[in-house]
Amino acid sequence: MTASRDRADLIRAHFRTQAAACERLGSPFTAALLAGLAERMEPAGALEARVLSWPGDPGDDALALRVAGALHALARAGRDPEVAAAWPPRAEGDAVAVARAAFVRQAEWLAPWLDGPPQTNETGRSGALLGGLLALADLTGGMPVELLEIGASAGLNQNLDAFRYDFGDGRAWGPPDSPVLVRHAWRGAPPPLDARLEIAARAGCDLNPLDAADPAARARLLAYIWPDQAERLARAEAAVALAVARPRPIETADAAAWLETRLAAPQPEGRARVVMHSIMWQYMPAAVQARIAAALTAAAARATAARPFAWLRMEPDGETGSAAVTLTLAPEGGERLLARTDFHGRWTDWAGRAPAPDTEK
């Protein structure tokens, strides 16, 4: 067996693995598309040859999601009627055959989509992040928050306090007239919905931020939402419109350098400073992670009761099927696992209301 054949088999296995993940996460169309491409792709044209000979780690590079996003973008762009007809909401015909034909017919248009990783801004995750902020508010007696988000993408979740949430069982939070409705099932013992949450200041950074007001950036953001998940698409479109109406400019910056500067700035008395991120830590080089960890440790060491510091994150921790929602609070409170949550924000299973810092043993 040749090296090129071995490489192609590795790529096909990656597509199958991603297809299984898409099935678990509620996108049967994307699952079937990627599974079909795994079986039927051949290096018949330049684009398929490029995919099947991908030089990097296909999993780390999210290669299958690059391909899926490129095809969804083509379907949404209205420049290829055959692809548009084969993709949801119509989903007519053999999507795999249509995709393979498009690889040849639209190769020049599709190729740039393989050059960079998928970039998403999943508003469904705000249901877990909001709960983390409510837990913090409960612990600090409703102290106003200065929110610092790294890996903020288009900054959609900078407006998380302007969304309307339906947590199930008659539980809701946020403005009833918000254009963004997040349906996110809360299970277990969640944080108190009546905790006083005030975001007094907010800022964010990203290596490649997307401008919600830019049509090309919007197209890129929406392309990576799976096409058969109509509610996710509608929610993202509404969140983009809200971000245009209530802009939260995201700075183009390395997360470590940005945080080092932000955390060194004076913190007003009576304000809790919070660093927040979701599903981005794994994508940073180890050296950047180390710098951020050092900056967070230094900020925690400087914290006082009048100027507390918190680190809220939603990140994978090796447990299959969910991410950990973790809160670290200084000077008192320590680190606690608040919940486990679905990667796309369909549900959160809360561990229970956090005890006040002075009751911890």
Foldseek 3Di string as FASTA:
>chain_A
DDPLVVQLLQLLVVLQVVLVVCVVVPFPPLSVQSNVCSVDQDPPDDQSSCSSNPPDNCVLQVQSLLLQLLLLLVLVVPPDVVSVCCFPPNNDDDNNVVSNVCCVVVVVSSVVSNVHGQQEQQLLCLVVVVLVLLLVLVQLVNQAEEEEEESCAQVLSVCSQQEWEDQDPPDIHHDPPQQAYHYFHEAAATRDRPRHYHHPHYAYAYQDHAHLVDPVSLSRHLSSPRRVPVSRSSNSVSSSVVCVVVPHDYHNDQPLVVLLVVLVDDADFRYEYEYEYEAPLVSDDPVSVVSNVVSLVVSQVPADSRYKYKYWYWYCDPDPAWTWTKMAIPPFDGIDGQWTAGNSNRYTYGPHRRDHRVPDD
